[in-house]
Amino acid sequence: MNFLKWLTFSLVLIGALNWGLIGAFDFDLVSFIFGDMTSMTRIIYTIVGLSAIGYLIFQIRDNMECSSCNY
């Protein structure tokens, strides 16, 4: 796994954990750390969202490259 794919996966995992905290305990860790909808909070949410799109693209690319693999 290359560095960029690992980084995007890590950020998506952090975002998923934050959503899990929101769903289970109504606790938004990002807002708790950086403030409620401050510019830094919005930047964090944007980076996590873009990471999800990037990770999806990496997964699709990897699957297309390996479509001729014989397992």
PDB file of N, CA and C in Angstrom:
ATOM      1  N   MET A   1       0.864  -1.169   0.000  1.00  0.00           N
ATOM      2  CA  MET A   1       0.000   0.000   0.000  1.00  0.00           C
ATOM      3  C   MET A   1       0.910   1.231   0.000  1.00  0.00           C
ATOM      4  N   ASN A   2       0.759   2.071  -1.003  1.00  0.00           N
ATOM      5  CA  ASN A   2       1.610   3.252  -1.056  1.00  0.00           C
ATOM      6  C   ASN A   2       1.191   4.278  -0.003  1.00  0.00           C
ATOM      7  N   PHE A   3       2.048   5.276   0.205  1.00  0.00           N
ATOM      8  CA  PHE A   3       1.839   6.230   1.286  1.00  0.00           C
ATOM      9  C   PHE A   3       0.526   6.997   1.140  1.00  0.00           C
ATOM     10  N   LEU A   4       0.217   7.470  -0.060  1.00  0.00           N
ATOM     11  CA  LEU A   4      -0.991   8.268  -0.255  1.00  0.00           C
ATOM     12  C   LEU A   4      -2.247   7.445  -0.003  1.00  0.00           C
ATOM     13  N   LYS A   5      -2.242   6.211  -0.441  1.00  0.00           N
ATOM     14  CA  LYS A   5      -3.403   5.350  -0.189  1.00  0.00           C
ATOM     15  C   LYS A   5      -3.528   5.065   1.306  1.00  0.00           C
ATOM     16  N   TRP A   6      -2.418   4.840   1.976  1.00  0.00           N
ATOM     17  CA  TRP A   6      -2.431   4.612   3.414  1.00  0.00           C
ATOM     18  C   TRP A   6      -2.941   5.843   4.150  1.00  0.00           C
ATOM     19  N   LEU A   7      -2.500   7.027   3.727  1.00  0.00           N
ATOM     20  CA  LEU A   7      -2.927   8.269   4.358  1.00  0.00           C
ATOM     21  C   LEU A   7      -4.434   8.479   4.184  1.00  0.00           C
ATOM     22  N   THR A   8      -4.938   8.276   2.974  1.00  0.00           N
ATOM     23  CA  THR A   8      -6.369   8.459   2.744  1.00  0.00           C
ATOM     24  C   THR A   8      -7.179   7.443   3.549  1.00  0.00           C
ATOM     25  N   PHE A   9      -6.688   6.205   3.618  1.00  0.00           N
ATOM     26  CA  PHE A   9      -7.383   5.190   4.407  1.00  0.00           C
ATOM     27  C   PHE A   9      -7.423   5.590   5.879  1.00  0.00           C
ATOM     28  N   SER A  10      -6.310   6.100   6.396  1.00  0.00           N
ATOM     29  CA  SER A  10      -6.253   6.512   7.801  1.00  0.00           C
ATOM     30  C   SER A  10      -7.227   7.642   8.085  1.00  0.00           C
ATOM     31  N   LEU A  11      -7.309   8.620   7.187  1.00  0.00           N
ATOM     32  CA  LEU A  11      -8.226   9.735   7.392  1.00  0.00           C
ATOM     33  C   LEU A  11      -9.680   9.291   7.297  1.00  0.00           C
ATOM     34  N   VAL A  12      -9.967   8.374   6.397  1.00  0.00           N
ATOM     35  CA  VAL A  12     -11.327   7.836   6.295  1.00  0.00           C
ATOM     36  C   VAL A  12     -11.675   7.065   7.570  1.00  0.00           C
ATOM     37  N   LEU A  13     -10.725   6.317   8.104  1.00  0.00           N
ATOM     38  CA  LEU A  13     -10.955   5.583   9.343  1.00  0.00           C
ATOM     39  C   LEU A  13     -11.216   6.539  10.505  1.00  0.00           C
ATOM     40  N   ILE A  14     -10.470   7.621  10.589  1.00  0.00           N
ATOM     41  CA  ILE A  14     -10.695   8.625  11.625  1.00  0.00           C
ATOM     42  C   ILE A  14     -12.095   9.232  11.484  1.00  0.00           C
ATOM     43  N   GLY A  15     -12.491   9.535  10.241  1.00  0.00           N
ATOM     44  CA  GLY A  15     -13.834  10.068  10.008  1.00  0.00           C
ATOM     45  C   GLY A  15     -14.914   9.077  10.399  1.00  0.00           C
ATOM     46  N   ALA A  16     -14.684   7.803  10.110  1.00  0.00           N
ATOM     47  CA  ALA A  16     -15.661   6.779  10.474  1.00  0.00           C
ATOM     48  C   ALA A  16     -15.777   6.649  11.988  1.00  0.00           C
ATOM     49  N   LEU A  17     -14.656   6.719  12.677  1.00  0.00           N
ATOM     50  CA  LEU A  17     -14.697   6.662  14.142  1.00  0.00           C
ATOM     51  C   LEU A  17     -15.433   7.866  14.713  1.00  0.00           C
ATOM     52  N   ASN A  18     -15.226   9.033  14.131  1.00  0.00           N
ATOM     53  CA  ASN A  18     -15.938  10.226  14.589  1.00  0.00           C
ATOM     54  C   ASN A  18     -17.447  10.063  14.384  1.00  0.00           C
ATOM     55  N   TRP A  19     -17.850   9.544  13.217  1.00  0.00           N
ATOM     56  CA  TRP A  19     -19.281   9.316  12.983  1.00  0.00           C
ATOM     57  C   TRP A  19     -19.835   8.265  13.931  1.00  0.00           C
ATOM     58  N   GLY A  20     -19.030   7.269  14.270  1.00  0.00           N
ATOM     59  CA  GLY A  20     -19.467   6.280  15.242  1.00  0.00           C
ATOM     60  C   GLY A  20     -19.708   6.899  16.601  1.00  0.00           C
ATOM     61  N   LEU A  21     -18.829   7.812  17.003  1.00  0.00           N
ATOM     62  CA  LEU A  21     -19.026   8.517  18.275  1.00  0.00           C
ATOM     63  C   LEU A  21     -20.283   9.385  18.245  1.00  0.00           C
ATOM     64  N   ILE A  22     -20.524  10.019  17.099  1.00  0.00           N
ATOM     65  CA  ILE A  22     -21.729  10.846  16.977  1.00  0.00           C
ATOM     66  C   ILE A  22     -22.981   9.980  17.087  1.00  0.00           C
ATOM     67  N   GLY A  23     -22.985   8.856  16.385  1.00  0.00           N
ATOM     68  CA  GLY A  23     -24.157   7.982  16.407  1.00  0.00           C
ATOM     69  C   GLY A  23     -24.393   7.318  17.746  1.00  0.00           C
ATOM     70  N   ALA A  24     -23.324   6.879  18.394  1.00  0.00           N
ATOM     71  CA  ALA A  24     -23.480   6.127  19.638  1.00  0.00           C
ATOM     72  C   ALA A  24     -23.659   7.015  20.864  1.00  0.00           C
ATOM     73  N   PHE A  25     -22.932   8.129  20.890  1.00  0.00           N
ATOM     74  CA  PHE A  25     -22.905   8.931  22.108  1.00  0.00           C
ATOM     75  C   PHE A  25     -23.271  10.398  21.896  1.00  0.00           C
ATOM     76  N   ASP A  26     -23.639  10.770  20.671  1.00  0.00           N
ATOM     77  CA  ASP A  26     -23.934  12.165  20.332  1.00  0.00           C
ATOM     78  C   ASP A  26     -22.753  13.072  20.725  1.00  0.00           C
ATOM     79  N   PHE A  27     -21.539  12.586  20.425  1.00  0.00           N
ATOM     80  CA  PHE A  27     -20.315  13.305  20.770  1.00  0.00           C
ATOM     81  C   PHE A  27     -19.473  13.472  19.509  1.00  0.00           C
ATOM     82  N   ASP A  28     -19.280  14.711  19.083  1.00  0.00           N
ATOM     83  CA  ASP A  28     -18.473  15.016  17.899  1.00  0.00           C
ATOM     84  C   ASP A  28     -17.073  15.394  18.358  1.00  0.00           C
ATOM     85  N   LEU A  29     -16.128  14.478  18.179  1.00  0.00           N
ATOM     86  CA  LEU A  29     -14.762  14.678  18.660  1.00  0.00           C
ATOM     87  C   LEU A  29     -14.069  15.835  17.942  1.00  0.00           C
ATOM     88  N   VAL A  30     -14.295  15.975  16.645  1.00  0.00           N
ATOM     89  CA  VAL A  30     -13.659  17.062  15.892  1.00  0.00           C
ATOM     90  C   VAL A  30     -14.139  18.413  16.407  1.00  0.00           C
ATOM     91  N   SER A  31     -15.427  18.559  16.601  1.00  0.00           N
ATOM     92  CA  SER A  31     -15.960  19.815  17.143  1.00  0.00           C
ATOM     93  C   SER A  31     -15.493  20.049  18.576  1.00  0.00           C
ATOM     94  N   PHE A  32     -15.343  18.976  19.341  1.00  0.00           N
ATOM     95  CA  PHE A  32     -14.862  19.099  20.711  1.00  0.00           C
ATOM     96  C   PHE A  32     -13.432  19.634  20.748  1.00  0.00           C
ATOM     97  N   ILE A  33     -12.587  19.152  19.833  1.00  0.00           N
ATOM     98  CA  ILE A  33     -11.185  19.563  19.814  1.00  0.00           C
ATOM     99  C   ILE A  33     -11.005  20.942  19.189  1.00  0.00           C
ATOM    100  N   PHE A  34     -11.661  21.193  18.050  1.00  0.00           N
ATOM    101  CA  PHE A  34     -11.399  22.416  17.282  1.00  0.00           C
ATOM    102  C   PHE A  34     -12.488  23.478  17.388  1.00  0.00           C
ATOM    103  N   GLY A  35     -13.585  23.186  18.059  1.00  0.00           N
ATOM    104  CA  GLY A  35     -14.678  24.147  18.174  1.00  0.00           C
ATOM    105  C   GLY A  35     -15.799  23.814  17.212  1.00  0.00           C
ATOM    106  N   ASP A  36     -16.977  24.321  17.538  1.00  0.00           N
ATOM    107  CA  ASP A  36     -18.175  24.002  16.758  1.00  0.00           C
ATOM    108  C   ASP A  36     -18.196  24.808  15.465  1.00  0.00           C
ATOM    109  N   MET A  37     -17.956  24.139  14.363  1.00  0.00           N
ATOM    110  CA  MET A  37     -17.970  24.682  12.999  1.00  0.00           C
ATOM    111  C   MET A  37     -17.064  25.904  12.837  1.00  0.00           C
ATOM    112  N   THR A  38     -15.882  25.831  13.413  1.00  0.00           N
ATOM    113  CA  THR A  38     -14.865  26.842  13.145  1.00  0.00           C
ATOM    114  C   THR A  38     -14.257  26.548  11.788  1.00  0.00           C
ATOM    115  N   SER A  39     -13.406  27.437  11.321  1.00  0.00           N
ATOM    116  CA  SER A  39     -12.771  27.196  10.025  1.00  0.00           C
ATOM    117  C   SER A  39     -11.890  25.948  10.066  1.00  0.00           C
ATOM    118  N   MET A  40     -11.247  25.684  11.189  1.00  0.00           N
ATOM    119  CA  MET A  40     -10.409  24.485  11.305  1.00  0.00           C
ATOM    120  C   MET A  40     -11.252  23.219  11.269  1.00  0.00           C
ATOM    121  N   THR A  41     -12.412  23.239  11.915  1.00  0.00           N
ATOM    122  CA  THR A  41     -13.311  22.090  11.879  1.00  0.00           C
ATOM    123  C   THR A  41     -13.772  21.819  10.458  1.00  0.00           C
ATOM    124  N   ARG A  42     -14.125  22.858   9.739  1.00  0.00           N
ATOM    125  CA  ARG A  42     -14.552  22.694   8.347  1.00  0.00           C
ATOM    126  C   ARG A  42     -13.425  22.146   7.478  1.00  0.00           C
ATOM    127  N   ILE A  43     -12.204  22.598   7.731  1.00  0.00           N
ATOM    128  CA  ILE A  43     -11.052  22.092   6.975  1.00  0.00           C
ATOM    129  C   ILE A  43     -10.855  20.601   7.246  1.00  0.00           C
ATOM    130  N   ILE A  44     -10.956  20.194   8.504  1.00  0.00           N
ATOM    131  CA  ILE A  44     -10.811  18.775   8.864  1.00  0.00           C
ATOM    132  C   ILE A  44     -11.881  17.945   8.165  1.00  0.00           C
ATOM    133  N   TYR A  45     -13.142  18.386   8.237  1.00  0.00           N
ATOM    134  CA  TYR A  45     -14.223  17.653   7.570  1.00  0.00           C
ATOM    135  C   TYR A  45     -13.997  17.573   6.057  1.00  0.00           C
ATOM    136  N   THR A  46     -13.517  18.649   5.458  1.00  0.00           N
ATOM    137  CA  THR A  46     -13.256  18.662   4.019  1.00  0.00           C
ATOM    138  C   THR A  46     -12.131  17.701   3.652  1.00  0.00           C
ATOM    139  N   ILE A  47     -11.064  17.692   4.438  1.00  0.00           N
ATOM    140  CA  ILE A  47      -9.947  16.789   4.166  1.00  0.00           C
ATOM    141  C   ILE A  47     -10.380  15.334   4.291  1.00  0.00           C
ATOM    142  N   VAL A  48     -11.171  15.029   5.300  1.00  0.00           N
ATOM    143  CA  VAL A  48     -11.653  13.651   5.476  1.00  0.00           C
ATOM    144  C   VAL A  48     -12.562  13.258   4.311  1.00  0.00           C
ATOM    145  N   GLY A  49     -13.440  14.161   3.888  1.00  0.00           N
ATOM    146  CA  GLY A  49     -14.317  13.869   2.748  1.00  0.00           C
ATOM    147  C   GLY A  49     -13.548  13.661   1.460  1.00  0.00           C
ATOM    148  N   LEU A  50     -12.557  14.503   1.201  1.00  0.00           N
ATOM    149  CA  LEU A  50     -11.729  14.343   0.003  1.00  0.00           C
ATOM    150  C   LEU A  50     -10.905  13.058   0.075  1.00  0.00           C
ATOM    151  N   SER A  51     -10.498  12.683   1.273  1.00  0.00           N
ATOM    152  CA  SER A  51      -9.762  11.429   1.440  1.00  0.00           C
ATOM    153  C   SER A  51     -10.640  10.233   1.094  1.00  0.00           C
ATOM    154  N   ALA A  52     -11.910  10.299   1.445  1.00  0.00           N
ATOM    155  CA  ALA A  52     -12.822   9.211   1.103  1.00  0.00           C
ATOM    156  C   ALA A  52     -12.943   9.072  -0.415  1.00  0.00           C
ATOM    157  N   ILE A  53     -13.048  10.194  -1.105  1.00  0.00           N
ATOM    158  CA  ILE A  53     -13.117  10.152  -2.574  1.00  0.00           C
ATOM    159  C   ILE A  53     -11.811   9.612  -3.143  1.00  0.00           C
ATOM    160  N   GLY A  54     -10.691  10.077  -2.605  1.00  0.00           N
ATOM    161  CA  GLY A  54      -9.386   9.604  -3.079  1.00  0.00           C
ATOM    162  C   GLY A  54      -9.194   8.127  -2.838  1.00  0.00           C
ATOM    163  N   TYR A  55      -9.580   7.653  -1.671  1.00  0.00           N
ATOM    164  CA  TYR A  55      -9.436   6.228  -1.374  1.00  0.00           C
ATOM    165  C   TYR A  55     -10.308   5.388  -2.303  1.00  0.00           C
ATOM    166  N   LEU A  56     -11.503   5.861  -2.588  1.00  0.00           N
ATOM    167  CA  LEU A  56     -12.377   5.151  -3.526  1.00  0.00           C
ATOM    168  C   LEU A  56     -11.728   5.057  -4.903  1.00  0.00           C
ATOM    169  N   ILE A  57     -11.135   6.140  -5.355  1.00  0.00           N
ATOM    170  CA  ILE A  57     -10.461   6.138  -6.654  1.00  0.00           C
ATOM    171  C   ILE A  57      -9.288   5.163  -6.652  1.00  0.00           C
ATOM    172  N   PHE A  58      -8.494   5.151  -5.565  1.00  0.00           N
ATOM    173  CA  PHE A  58      -7.382   4.207  -5.468  1.00  0.00           C
ATOM    174  C   PHE A  58      -7.873   2.768  -5.517  1.00  0.00           C
ATOM    175  N   GLN A  59      -8.964   2.473  -4.828  1.00  0.00           N
ATOM    176  CA  GLN A  59      -9.507   1.119  -4.821  1.00  0.00           C
ATOM    177  C   GLN A  59      -9.981   0.702  -6.213  1.00  0.00           C
ATOM    178  N   ILE A  60     -10.676   1.589  -6.895  1.00  0.00           N
ATOM    179  CA  ILE A  60     -11.157   1.278  -8.243  1.00  0.00           C
ATOM    180  C   ILE A  60      -9.978   1.048  -9.180  1.00  0.00           C
ATOM    181  N   ARG A  61      -8.966   1.912  -9.078  1.00  0.00           N
ATOM    182  CA  ARG A  61      -7.775   1.768  -9.932  1.00  0.00           C
ATOM    183  C   ARG A  61      -7.079   0.440  -9.664  1.00  0.00           C
ATOM    184  N   ASP A  62      -6.923   0.091  -8.402  1.00  0.00           N
ATOM    185  CA  ASP A  62      -6.252  -1.162  -8.061  1.00  0.00           C
ATOM    186  C   ASP A  62      -7.045  -2.363  -8.553  1.00  0.00           C
ATOM    187  N   ASN A  63      -8.369  -2.304  -8.452  1.00  0.00           N
ATOM    188  CA  ASN A  63      -9.195  -3.412  -8.939  1.00  0.00           C
ATOM    189  C   ASN A  63      -9.125  -3.539 -10.451  1.00  0.00           C
ATOM    190  N   MET A  64      -9.046  -2.421 -11.159  1.00  0.00           N
ATOM    191  CA  MET A  64      -8.958  -2.472 -12.616  1.00  0.00           C
ATOM    192  C   MET A  64      -7.600  -3.011 -13.062  1.00  0.00           C
ATOM    193  N   GLU A  65      -6.542  -2.661 -12.337  1.00  0.00           N
ATOM    194  CA  GLU A  65      -5.219  -3.163 -12.682  1.00  0.00           C
ATOM    195  C   GLU A  65      -5.116  -4.652 -12.441  1.00  0.00           C
ATOM    196  N   CYS A  66      -5.856  -5.156 -11.472  1.00  0.00           N
ATOM    197  CA  CYS A  66      -5.756  -6.562 -11.110  1.00  0.00           C
ATOM    198  C   CYS A  66      -6.896  -7.396 -11.716  1.00  0.00           C
ATOM    199  N   SER A  67      -7.639  -6.829 -12.645  1.00  0.00           N
ATOM    200  CA  SER A  67      -8.758  -7.582 -13.222  1.00  0.00           C
ATOM    201  C   SER A  67      -8.269  -8.762 -14.037  1.00  0.00           C
ATOM    202  N   SER A  68      -7.015  -8.708 -14.499  1.00  0.00           N
ATOM    203  CA  SER A  68      -6.480  -9.827 -15.269  1.00  0.00           C
ATOM    204  C   SER A  68      -5.691 -10.801 -14.400  1.00  0.00           C
ATOM    205  N   CYS A  69      -5.664 -10.549 -13.080  1.00  0.00           N
ATOM    206  CA  CYS A  69      -4.939 -11.457 -12.174  1.00  0.00           C
ATOM    207  C   CYS A  69      -5.685 -12.781 -12.081  1.00  0.00           C
ATOM    208  N   ASN A  70      -4.937 -13.839 -12.014  1.00  0.00           N
ATOM    209  CA  ASN A  70      -5.522 -15.177 -11.868  1.00  0.00           C
ATOM    210  C   ASN A  70      -5.295 -15.658 -10.447  1.00  0.00           C
ATOM    211  N   TYR A  71      -6.342 -15.624  -9.644  1.00  0.00           N
ATOM    212  CA  TYR A  71      -6.224 -16.070  -8.259  1.00  0.00           C
ATOM    213  C   TYR A  71      -6.764 -17.449  -8.120  1.00  0.00           C
TER     214      TYR A  71
END
